[in-house]
């Protein structure tokens, strides 16, 4: 397994489970700092390295009227505010190769959205920044197909690449997670992250919005950690009903700490101390 350092203290591929968490989209500069501070405190209490996550633009919304976020400039300013206030690394996604240099000036991890996981120019541009690149596996890709996405990053000389499972399309408006995918993808040599909350989407199933099944976050997260993943990705909100994106599959903030404590216990069993 290739180790992928984000900072000196946050490294994907080590024994410890890394947490990536935050709101789906940047709702305001104050909100991301407040929520990020609460999540960082929880991660510290349970002993998990933490990467803050939020999107400056949700370019693949179900409806044209859905809230997309503050945009590139304001969004990156908000993410820099999180770094300055909390001292944690940040992850955000980009949708066009032209965005890569600006995003890399702020974000420690550049994320390739699942629907864009075959876009060679986008992956190459992200990799050429030298930042960690996290590629979400498309809902249409088999686990081993990710070897080609990994190769697009490493061909630039950048070895810092992770891949993320977020469910596979199964019929209309539904996703499933094949637990075999985790050992399959880890065998490719890159750390594997499990995007639990996006895996519980019901894409397009909410009459213009993405519906979701947040009640299954805990069992799905536990199963994924039991399968040996290197990190978990959770969209978290203090009041999911009021979240401006992916409200129905976000984890409520007060449920985060007990879930993480359980995941750490499972990880300790799956990856015992040497």
C-alpha atoms as a PDB file:
ATOM      1  CA  UNK A   1       0.000   0.000   0.000  1.00  0.00           C
ATOM      2  CA  UNK A   2       1.392   3.376  -1.041  1.00  0.00           C
ATOM      3  CA  UNK A   3       1.324   5.941   1.759  1.00  0.00           C
ATOM      4  CA  UNK A   4      -0.251   9.231   0.705  1.00  0.00           C
ATOM      5  CA  UNK A   5       0.706  12.115   3.018  1.00  0.00           C
ATOM      6  CA  UNK A   6      -1.534  15.168   3.139  1.00  0.00           C
ATOM      7  CA  UNK A   7       0.308  16.783   6.054  1.00  0.00           C
ATOM      8  CA  UNK A   8       2.818  15.446   8.569  1.00  0.00           C
ATOM      9  CA  UNK A   9      -0.032  14.179  10.743  1.00  0.00           C
ATOM     10  CA  UNK A  10      -2.623  13.191   8.106  1.00  0.00           C
ATOM     11  CA  UNK A  11      -1.496  10.263   5.984  1.00  0.00           C
ATOM     12  CA  UNK A  12      -3.705   7.895   4.004  1.00  0.00           C
ATOM     13  CA  UNK A  13      -2.612   4.261   3.990  1.00  0.00           C
ATOM     14  CA  UNK A  14      -1.391   3.999   7.568  1.00  0.00           C
ATOM     15  CA  UNK A  15      -3.101   1.858  10.146  1.00  0.00           C
ATOM     16  CA  UNK A  16      -5.260   4.678  11.505  1.00  0.00           C
ATOM     17  CA  UNK A  17      -8.522   5.596   9.842  1.00  0.00           C
ATOM     18  CA  UNK A  18      -8.640   9.109   8.341  1.00  0.00           C
ATOM     19  CA  UNK A  19     -11.831  11.160   8.562  1.00  0.00           C
ATOM     20  CA  UNK A  20     -12.973  13.398   5.707  1.00  0.00           C
ATOM     21  CA  UNK A  21     -16.045  15.326   6.799  1.00  0.00           C
ATOM     22  CA  UNK A  22     -17.953  18.569   6.439  1.00  0.00           C
ATOM     23  CA  UNK A  23     -21.060  19.990   4.810  1.00  0.00           C
ATOM     24  CA  UNK A  24     -21.895  19.010   1.249  1.00  0.00           C
ATOM     25  CA  UNK A  25     -21.600  22.590   0.045  1.00  0.00           C
ATOM     26  CA  UNK A  26     -20.222  25.833   1.465  1.00  0.00           C
ATOM     27  CA  UNK A  27     -23.280  27.587   2.876  1.00  0.00           C
ATOM     28  CA  UNK A  28     -21.423  30.586   4.299  1.00  0.00           C
ATOM     29  CA  UNK A  29     -17.880  31.396   5.504  1.00  0.00           C
ATOM     30  CA  UNK A  30     -19.039  31.451   9.119  1.00  0.00           C
ATOM     31  CA  UNK A  31     -20.906  28.156   8.832  1.00  0.00           C
ATOM     32  CA  UNK A  32     -17.969  26.154   7.476  1.00  0.00           C
ATOM     33  CA  UNK A  33     -15.693  27.437  10.256  1.00  0.00           C
ATOM     34  CA  UNK A  34     -18.243  26.729  12.968  1.00  0.00           C
ATOM     35  CA  UNK A  35     -19.104  23.252  11.702  1.00  0.00           C
ATOM     36  CA  UNK A  36     -15.486  22.430  10.901  1.00  0.00           C
ATOM     37  CA  UNK A  37     -14.423  23.422  14.420  1.00  0.00           C
ATOM     38  CA  UNK A  38     -17.040  21.109  15.938  1.00  0.00           C
ATOM     39  CA  UNK A  39     -16.009  18.185  13.711  1.00  0.00           C
ATOM     40  CA  UNK A  40     -12.299  18.768  14.343  1.00  0.00           C
ATOM     41  CA  UNK A  41     -12.880  18.663  18.096  1.00  0.00           C
ATOM     42  CA  UNK A  42     -14.737  15.373  17.796  1.00  0.00           C
ATOM     43  CA  UNK A  43     -12.039  13.873  15.562  1.00  0.00           C
ATOM     44  CA  UNK A  44      -9.382  14.899  18.085  1.00  0.00           C
ATOM     45  CA  UNK A  45     -11.288  13.303  20.958  1.00  0.00           C
ATOM     46  CA  UNK A  46     -11.578   9.969  19.153  1.00  0.00           C
ATOM     47  CA  UNK A  47      -8.038  10.114  17.782  1.00  0.00           C
ATOM     48  CA  UNK A  48      -8.746  10.324  14.045  1.00  0.00           C
ATOM     49  CA  UNK A  49      -6.706  12.450  11.631  1.00  0.00           C
ATOM     50  CA  UNK A  50      -9.092  14.913  10.002  1.00  0.00           C
ATOM     51  CA  UNK A  51      -9.534  16.562   6.592  1.00  0.00           C
ATOM     52  CA  UNK A  52     -12.282  19.194   6.230  1.00  0.00           C
ATOM     53  CA  UNK A  53     -14.500  18.827   3.162  1.00  0.00           C
ATOM     54  CA  UNK A  54     -16.924  21.188   1.431  1.00  0.00           C
ATOM     55  CA  UNK A  55     -17.701  22.054  -2.190  1.00  0.00           C
ATOM     56  CA  UNK A  56     -17.553  25.561  -3.650  1.00  0.00           C
ATOM     57  CA  UNK A  57     -19.766  24.469  -6.545  1.00  0.00           C
ATOM     58  CA  UNK A  58     -22.122  21.517  -6.930  1.00  0.00           C
ATOM     59  CA  UNK A  59     -22.108  21.429 -10.707  1.00  0.00           C
ATOM     60  CA  UNK A  60     -24.087  18.197 -11.058  1.00  0.00           C
ATOM     61  CA  UNK A  61     -27.277  19.101  -9.203  1.00  0.00           C
ATOM     62  CA  UNK A  62     -30.498  17.319 -10.139  1.00  0.00           C
ATOM     63  CA  UNK A  63     -32.342  20.561 -10.892  1.00  0.00           C
ATOM     64  CA  UNK A  64     -31.116  23.838 -12.369  1.00  0.00           C
ATOM     65  CA  UNK A  65     -32.805  25.606  -9.455  1.00  0.00           C
ATOM     66  CA  UNK A  66     -30.812  23.728  -6.791  1.00  0.00           C
ATOM     67  CA  UNK A  67     -28.291  25.672  -4.689  1.00  0.00           C
ATOM     68  CA  UNK A  68     -24.822  25.189  -6.155  1.00  0.00           C
ATOM     69  CA  UNK A  69     -22.620  27.073  -3.701  1.00  0.00           C
ATOM     70  CA  UNK A  70     -20.743  30.386  -3.634  1.00  0.00           C
ATOM     71  CA  UNK A  71     -18.564  29.712  -6.678  1.00  0.00           C
ATOM     72  CA  UNK A  72     -14.812  29.426  -7.146  1.00  0.00           C
ATOM     73  CA  UNK A  73     -13.457  32.694  -5.769  1.00  0.00           C
ATOM     74  CA  UNK A  74     -15.742  33.082  -2.762  1.00  0.00           C
ATOM     75  CA  UNK A  75     -15.593  29.362  -2.070  1.00  0.00           C
ATOM     76  CA  UNK A  76     -11.808  29.218  -1.993  1.00  0.00           C
ATOM     77  CA  UNK A  77     -11.749  32.254   0.284  1.00  0.00           C
ATOM     78  CA  UNK A  78     -14.087  30.430   2.670  1.00  0.00           C
ATOM     79  CA  UNK A  79     -11.914  27.306   2.579  1.00  0.00           C
ATOM     80  CA  UNK A  80      -8.812  29.364   3.302  1.00  0.00           C
ATOM     81  CA  UNK A  81     -10.701  30.751   6.271  1.00  0.00           C
ATOM     82  CA  UNK A  82     -11.209  27.199   7.546  1.00  0.00           C
ATOM     83  CA  UNK A  83      -7.486  26.461   7.228  1.00  0.00           C
ATOM     84  CA  UNK A  84      -6.506  29.691   8.952  1.00  0.00           C
ATOM     85  CA  UNK A  85      -9.014  29.281  11.793  1.00  0.00           C
ATOM     86  CA  UNK A  86      -8.687  25.558  12.429  1.00  0.00           C
ATOM     87  CA  UNK A  87      -5.286  24.535  11.122  1.00  0.00           C
ATOM     88  CA  UNK A  88      -6.683  21.475   9.335  1.00  0.00           C
ATOM     89  CA  UNK A  89      -6.171  20.397   5.714  1.00  0.00           C
ATOM     90  CA  UNK A  90      -9.081  20.876   3.348  1.00  0.00           C
ATOM     91  CA  UNK A  91     -10.527  18.924   0.426  1.00  0.00           C
ATOM     92  CA  UNK A  92     -12.746  20.266  -2.331  1.00  0.00           C
ATOM     93  CA  UNK A  93     -13.757  19.113  -5.762  1.00  0.00           C
ATOM     94  CA  UNK A  94     -13.141  20.702  -9.134  1.00  0.00           C
ATOM     95  CA  UNK A  95     -15.055  20.270 -12.370  1.00  0.00           C
ATOM     96  CA  UNK A  96     -12.821  21.786 -15.019  1.00  0.00           C
ATOM     97  CA  UNK A  97      -9.089  21.560 -15.705  1.00  0.00           C
ATOM     98  CA  UNK A  98      -8.812  25.347 -15.729  1.00  0.00           C
ATOM     99  CA  UNK A  99      -9.756  25.443 -12.038  1.00  0.00           C
ATOM    100  CA  UNK A 100      -6.858  23.262 -10.900  1.00  0.00           C
ATOM    101  CA  UNK A 101      -4.167  25.923 -10.227  1.00  0.00           C
ATOM    102  CA  UNK A 102      -6.474  28.165  -8.192  1.00  0.00           C
ATOM    103  CA  UNK A 103      -7.941  25.272  -6.212  1.00  0.00           C
ATOM    104  CA  UNK A 104      -4.471  23.855  -5.516  1.00  0.00           C
ATOM    105  CA  UNK A 105      -3.418  27.201  -4.001  1.00  0.00           C
ATOM    106  CA  UNK A 106      -5.859  26.530  -1.157  1.00  0.00           C
ATOM    107  CA  UNK A 107      -6.940  22.885  -1.059  1.00  0.00           C
ATOM    108  CA  UNK A 108      -4.621  20.161   0.203  1.00  0.00           C
ATOM    109  CA  UNK A 109      -6.642  17.463  -1.567  1.00  0.00           C
ATOM    110  CA  UNK A 110      -8.166  17.957  -5.017  1.00  0.00           C
ATOM    111  CA  UNK A 111     -11.170  15.735  -5.586  1.00  0.00           C
ATOM    112  CA  UNK A 112     -12.422  14.442  -8.924  1.00  0.00           C
ATOM    113  CA  UNK A 113     -16.211  13.977  -8.816  1.00  0.00           C
ATOM    114  CA  UNK A 114     -17.578  10.533  -9.602  1.00  0.00           C
ATOM    115  CA  UNK A 115     -19.320  11.605 -12.805  1.00  0.00           C
ATOM    116  CA  UNK A 116     -15.975  12.988 -14.051  1.00  0.00           C
ATOM    117  CA  UNK A 117     -13.783  10.053 -13.070  1.00  0.00           C
ATOM    118  CA  UNK A 118     -12.914   9.255 -16.702  1.00  0.00           C
ATOM    119  CA  UNK A 119     -12.052  12.839 -17.692  1.00  0.00           C
ATOM    120  CA  UNK A 120      -8.380  12.581 -18.570  1.00  0.00           C
ATOM    121  CA  UNK A 121      -7.651  16.302 -18.898  1.00  0.00           C
ATOM    122  CA  UNK A 122      -9.255  17.050 -15.529  1.00  0.00           C
ATOM    123  CA  UNK A 123      -7.368  14.282 -13.711  1.00  0.00           C
ATOM    124  CA  UNK A 124      -4.085  15.254 -15.370  1.00  0.00           C
ATOM    125  CA  UNK A 125      -4.499  18.924 -14.479  1.00  0.00           C
ATOM    126  CA  UNK A 126      -5.239  18.058 -10.852  1.00  0.00           C
ATOM    127  CA  UNK A 127      -2.249  15.713 -10.683  1.00  0.00           C
ATOM    128  CA  UNK A 128       0.130  18.262 -12.187  1.00  0.00           C
ATOM    129  CA  UNK A 129      -0.456  20.602  -9.246  1.00  0.00           C
ATOM    130  CA  UNK A 130       1.379  18.132  -7.010  1.00  0.00           C
ATOM    131  CA  UNK A 131      -1.480  18.063  -4.523  1.00  0.00           C
ATOM    132  CA  UNK A 132      -3.096  14.868  -3.310  1.00  0.00           C
ATOM    133  CA  UNK A 133      -5.710  13.752  -5.846  1.00  0.00           C
ATOM    134  CA  UNK A 134      -8.780  11.862  -4.631  1.00  0.00           C
ATOM    135  CA  UNK A 135     -10.749  10.268  -7.459  1.00  0.00           C
ATOM    136  CA  UNK A 136     -14.281   9.146  -6.744  1.00  0.00           C
ATOM    137  CA  UNK A 137     -15.186   5.952  -8.572  1.00  0.00           C
ATOM    138  CA  UNK A 138     -17.969   6.627 -11.037  1.00  0.00           C
ATOM    139  CA  UNK A 139     -21.322   5.030 -10.310  1.00  0.00           C
ATOM    140  CA  UNK A 140     -20.861   3.289 -13.672  1.00  0.00           C
ATOM    141  CA  UNK A 141     -17.361   1.837 -13.114  1.00  0.00           C
ATOM    142  CA  UNK A 142     -16.247  -1.558 -11.879  1.00  0.00           C
ATOM    143  CA  UNK A 143     -13.725  -1.456  -9.010  1.00  0.00           C
ATOM    144  CA  UNK A 144     -10.755  -2.572 -11.086  1.00  0.00           C
ATOM    145  CA  UNK A 145     -11.482   0.088 -13.710  1.00  0.00           C
ATOM    146  CA  UNK A 146      -9.946   2.537 -11.262  1.00  0.00           C
ATOM    147  CA  UNK A 147      -6.494   1.316 -12.208  1.00  0.00           C
ATOM    148  CA  UNK A 148      -6.728   3.519 -15.300  1.00  0.00           C
ATOM    149  CA  UNK A 149      -7.643   6.601 -13.268  1.00  0.00           C
ATOM    150  CA  UNK A 150      -4.729   5.949 -10.898  1.00  0.00           C
ATOM    151  CA  UNK A 151      -2.372   5.595 -13.882  1.00  0.00           C
ATOM    152  CA  UNK A 152      -3.453   9.005 -15.218  1.00  0.00           C
ATOM    153  CA  UNK A 153      -2.259  10.590 -11.982  1.00  0.00           C
ATOM    154  CA  UNK A 154       0.983   8.674 -11.600  1.00  0.00           C
ATOM    155  CA  UNK A 155       1.899   9.268 -15.264  1.00  0.00           C
ATOM    156  CA  UNK A 156       2.460  12.925 -14.321  1.00  0.00           C
ATOM    157  CA  UNK A 157       4.986  11.911 -11.668  1.00  0.00           C
ATOM    158  CA  UNK A 158       2.530  12.574  -8.834  1.00  0.00           C
ATOM    159  CA  UNK A 159       2.232   9.439  -6.694  1.00  0.00           C
ATOM    160  CA  UNK A 160      -0.210  10.969  -4.186  1.00  0.00           C
ATOM    161  CA  UNK A 161      -3.510   9.497  -5.301  1.00  0.00           C
ATOM    162  CA  UNK A 162      -6.446   8.011  -3.384  1.00  0.00           C
ATOM    163  CA  UNK A 163      -9.627   6.456  -4.726  1.00  0.00           C
ATOM    164  CA  UNK A 164     -13.107   6.613  -3.233  1.00  0.00           C
ATOM    165  CA  UNK A 165     -16.087   4.268  -3.380  1.00  0.00           C
ATOM    166  CA  UNK A 166     -19.488   5.975  -3.397  1.00  0.00           C
ATOM    167  CA  UNK A 167     -21.849   3.286  -4.632  1.00  0.00           C
ATOM    168  CA  UNK A 168     -22.827   1.776  -7.958  1.00  0.00           C
ATOM    169  CA  UNK A 169     -25.996   2.515  -9.915  1.00  0.00           C
ATOM    170  CA  UNK A 170     -28.498  -0.267  -9.347  1.00  0.00           C
ATOM    171  CA  UNK A 171     -31.696   0.239 -11.260  1.00  0.00           C
ATOM    172  CA  UNK A 172     -33.477   3.579 -11.208  1.00  0.00           C
ATOM    173  CA  UNK A 173     -32.748   6.123  -8.420  1.00  0.00           C
ATOM    174  CA  UNK A 174     -30.721   3.689  -6.347  1.00  0.00           C
ATOM    175  CA  UNK A 175     -27.127   2.923  -5.405  1.00  0.00           C
ATOM    176  CA  UNK A 176     -25.577  -0.149  -3.832  1.00  0.00           C
ATOM    177  CA  UNK A 177     -22.130  -0.750  -2.324  1.00  0.00           C
ATOM    178  CA  UNK A 178     -20.378  -4.011  -3.118  1.00  0.00           C
ATOM    179  CA  UNK A 179     -18.124  -4.743  -0.148  1.00  0.00           C
ATOM    180  CA  UNK A 180     -15.847  -6.755  -2.431  1.00  0.00           C
ATOM    181  CA  UNK A 181     -14.910  -3.453  -4.062  1.00  0.00           C
ATOM    182  CA  UNK A 182     -12.768  -2.383  -1.112  1.00  0.00           C
ATOM    183  CA  UNK A 183     -10.193  -5.204  -1.183  1.00  0.00           C
ATOM    184  CA  UNK A 184     -10.284  -5.131  -4.988  1.00  0.00           C
ATOM    185  CA  UNK A 185      -9.393  -1.461  -5.127  1.00  0.00           C
ATOM    186  CA  UNK A 186      -6.868  -1.640  -2.283  1.00  0.00           C
ATOM    187  CA  UNK A 187      -5.072  -4.306  -4.316  1.00  0.00           C
ATOM    188  CA  UNK A 188      -4.387  -1.571  -6.894  1.00  0.00           C
ATOM    189  CA  UNK A 189      -1.973  -0.015  -4.373  1.00  0.00           C
ATOM    190  CA  UNK A 190      -3.728   3.274  -3.635  1.00  0.00           C
ATOM    191  CA  UNK A 191      -5.473   4.064  -0.338  1.00  0.00           C
ATOM    192  CA  UNK A 192      -9.234   3.557  -0.507  1.00  0.00           C
ATOM    193  CA  UNK A 193     -11.796   5.883   1.065  1.00  0.00           C
ATOM    194  CA  UNK A 194     -15.443   5.050   1.642  1.00  0.00           C
ATOM    195  CA  UNK A 195     -17.876   7.881   0.930  1.00  0.00           C
ATOM    196  CA  UNK A 196     -20.630   6.569   3.151  1.00  0.00           C
ATOM    197  CA  UNK A 197     -23.176   9.344   2.893  1.00  0.00           C
ATOM    198  CA  UNK A 198     -23.139   9.738  -0.892  1.00  0.00           C
ATOM    199  CA  UNK A 199     -23.536   5.977  -1.171  1.00  0.00           C
ATOM    200  CA  UNK A 200     -26.918   6.405   0.513  1.00  0.00           C
ATOM    201  CA  UNK A 201     -28.247   8.823  -2.071  1.00  0.00           C
ATOM    202  CA  UNK A 202     -31.295   7.998  -4.142  1.00  0.00           C
ATOM    203  CA  UNK A 203     -30.151  10.002  -7.173  1.00  0.00           C
ATOM    204  CA  UNK A 204     -32.963  12.006  -8.694  1.00  0.00           C
ATOM    205  CA  UNK A 205     -35.429  10.214  -6.454  1.00  0.00           C
ATOM    206  CA  UNK A 206     -36.818  13.335  -4.791  1.00  0.00           C
ATOM    207  CA  UNK A 207     -38.681  15.124  -7.584  1.00  0.00           C
ATOM    208  CA  UNK A 208     -35.976  17.614  -8.457  1.00  0.00           C
ATOM    209  CA  UNK A 209     -33.682  16.899  -5.526  1.00  0.00           C
ATOM    210  CA  UNK A 210     -31.518  13.964  -4.528  1.00  0.00           C
ATOM    211  CA  UNK A 211     -33.237  11.864  -1.907  1.00  0.00           C
ATOM    212  CA  UNK A 212     -31.318   9.740   0.583  1.00  0.00           C
ATOM    213  CA  UNK A 213     -31.375   7.154   3.349  1.00  0.00           C
ATOM    214  CA  UNK A 214     -29.416   8.637   6.236  1.00  0.00           C
ATOM    215  CA  UNK A 215     -30.801   6.036   8.661  1.00  0.00           C
ATOM    216  CA  UNK A 216     -28.389   3.502   7.163  1.00  0.00           C
ATOM    217  CA  UNK A 217     -25.198   5.528   7.633  1.00  0.00           C
ATOM    218  CA  UNK A 218     -24.034   3.579  10.695  1.00  0.00           C
ATOM    219  CA  UNK A 219     -24.434   0.013   9.376  1.00  0.00           C
ATOM    220  CA  UNK A 220     -22.916   0.908   6.016  1.00  0.00           C
ATOM    221  CA  UNK A 221     -19.978   2.739   7.602  1.00  0.00           C
ATOM    222  CA  UNK A 222     -19.314  -0.166   9.954  1.00  0.00           C
ATOM    223  CA  UNK A 223     -19.362  -2.644   7.085  1.00  0.00           C
ATOM    224  CA  UNK A 224     -16.944  -0.569   5.029  1.00  0.00           C
ATOM    225  CA  UNK A 225     -14.470  -0.144   7.879  1.00  0.00           C
ATOM    226  CA  UNK A 226     -14.780  -3.866   8.534  1.00  0.00           C
ATOM    227  CA  UNK A 227     -13.743  -4.401   4.919  1.00  0.00           C
ATOM    228  CA  UNK A 228     -10.496  -2.539   5.594  1.00  0.00           C
ATOM    229  CA  UNK A 229     -10.799   0.958   4.126  1.00  0.00           C
ATOM    230  CA  UNK A 230      -8.215   3.651   4.788  1.00  0.00           C
ATOM    231  CA  UNK A 231     -10.610   6.529   5.358  1.00  0.00           C
ATOM    232  CA  UNK A 232     -14.265   7.424   5.716  1.00  0.00           C
ATOM    233  CA  UNK A 233     -15.988  10.346   4.036  1.00  0.00           C
ATOM    234  CA  UNK A 234     -19.075  11.740   5.742  1.00  0.00           C
ATOM    235  CA  UNK A 235     -21.242  14.711   4.931  1.00  0.00           C
ATOM    236  CA  UNK A 236     -22.151  16.204   8.300  1.00  0.00           C
ATOM    237  CA  UNK A 237     -24.552  18.985   9.244  1.00  0.00           C
ATOM    238  CA  UNK A 238     -25.822  20.276  12.577  1.00  0.00           C
ATOM    239  CA  UNK A 239     -29.374  20.307  11.182  1.00  0.00           C
ATOM    240  CA  UNK A 240     -29.607  18.155   8.032  1.00  0.00           C
ATOM    241  CA  UNK A 241     -33.186  19.203   7.348  1.00  0.00           C
ATOM    242  CA  UNK A 242     -31.869  22.718   6.724  1.00  0.00           C
ATOM    243  CA  UNK A 243     -28.806  21.684   4.691  1.00  0.00           C
ATOM    244  CA  UNK A 244     -28.739  23.313   1.260  1.00  0.00           C
ATOM    245  CA  UNK A 245     -27.469  20.194  -0.517  1.00  0.00           C
ATOM    246  CA  UNK A 246     -27.826  16.447   0.110  1.00  0.00           C
ATOM    247  CA  UNK A 247     -29.967  17.032   3.184  1.00  0.00           C
ATOM    248  CA  UNK A 248     -31.512  13.566   3.181  1.00  0.00           C
ATOM    249  CA  UNK A 249     -28.254  11.623   3.354  1.00  0.00           C
ATOM    250  CA  UNK A 250     -26.201  13.856   5.695  1.00  0.00           C
ATOM    251  CA  UNK A 251     -25.195  12.704   9.172  1.00  0.00           C
ATOM    252  CA  UNK A 252     -26.458  14.832  12.056  1.00  0.00           C
ATOM    253  CA  UNK A 253     -23.564  16.364  13.957  1.00  0.00           C
ATOM    254  CA  UNK A 254     -24.587  14.985  17.352  1.00  0.00           C
ATOM    255  CA  UNK A 255     -24.424  11.451  15.926  1.00  0.00           C
ATOM    256  CA  UNK A 256     -20.865  11.826  14.665  1.00  0.00           C
ATOM    257  CA  UNK A 257     -18.857  11.100  17.813  1.00  0.00           C
ATOM    258  CA  UNK A 258     -20.558   7.819  18.774  1.00  0.00           C
ATOM    259  CA  UNK A 259     -20.281   6.634  15.173  1.00  0.00           C
ATOM    260  CA  UNK A 260     -16.573   7.462  14.967  1.00  0.00           C
ATOM    261  CA  UNK A 261     -15.859   5.727  18.265  1.00  0.00           C
ATOM    262  CA  UNK A 262     -17.487   2.586  16.916  1.00  0.00           C
ATOM    263  CA  UNK A 263     -15.573   2.825  13.642  1.00  0.00           C
ATOM    264  CA  UNK A 264     -12.275   3.202  15.508  1.00  0.00           C
ATOM    265  CA  UNK A 265     -13.079   0.053  17.490  1.00  0.00           C
ATOM    266  CA  UNK A 266     -13.808  -1.873  14.295  1.00  0.00           C
ATOM    267  CA  UNK A 267     -10.637  -0.553  12.665  1.00  0.00           C
ATOM    268  CA  UNK A 268      -8.620  -1.711  15.681  1.00  0.00           C
ATOM    269  CA  UNK A 269      -9.945  -5.241  15.139  1.00  0.00           C
ATOM    270  CA  UNK A 270      -9.414  -5.242  11.378  1.00  0.00           C
ATOM    271  CA  UNK A 271      -5.950  -3.641  11.601  1.00  0.00           C
ATOM    272  CA  UNK A 272      -4.472  -4.724  14.956  1.00  0.00           C
ATOM    273  CA  UNK A 273      -1.355  -3.070  16.276  1.00  0.00           C
ATOM    274  CA  UNK A 274       1.830  -4.754  15.125  1.00  0.00           C
END
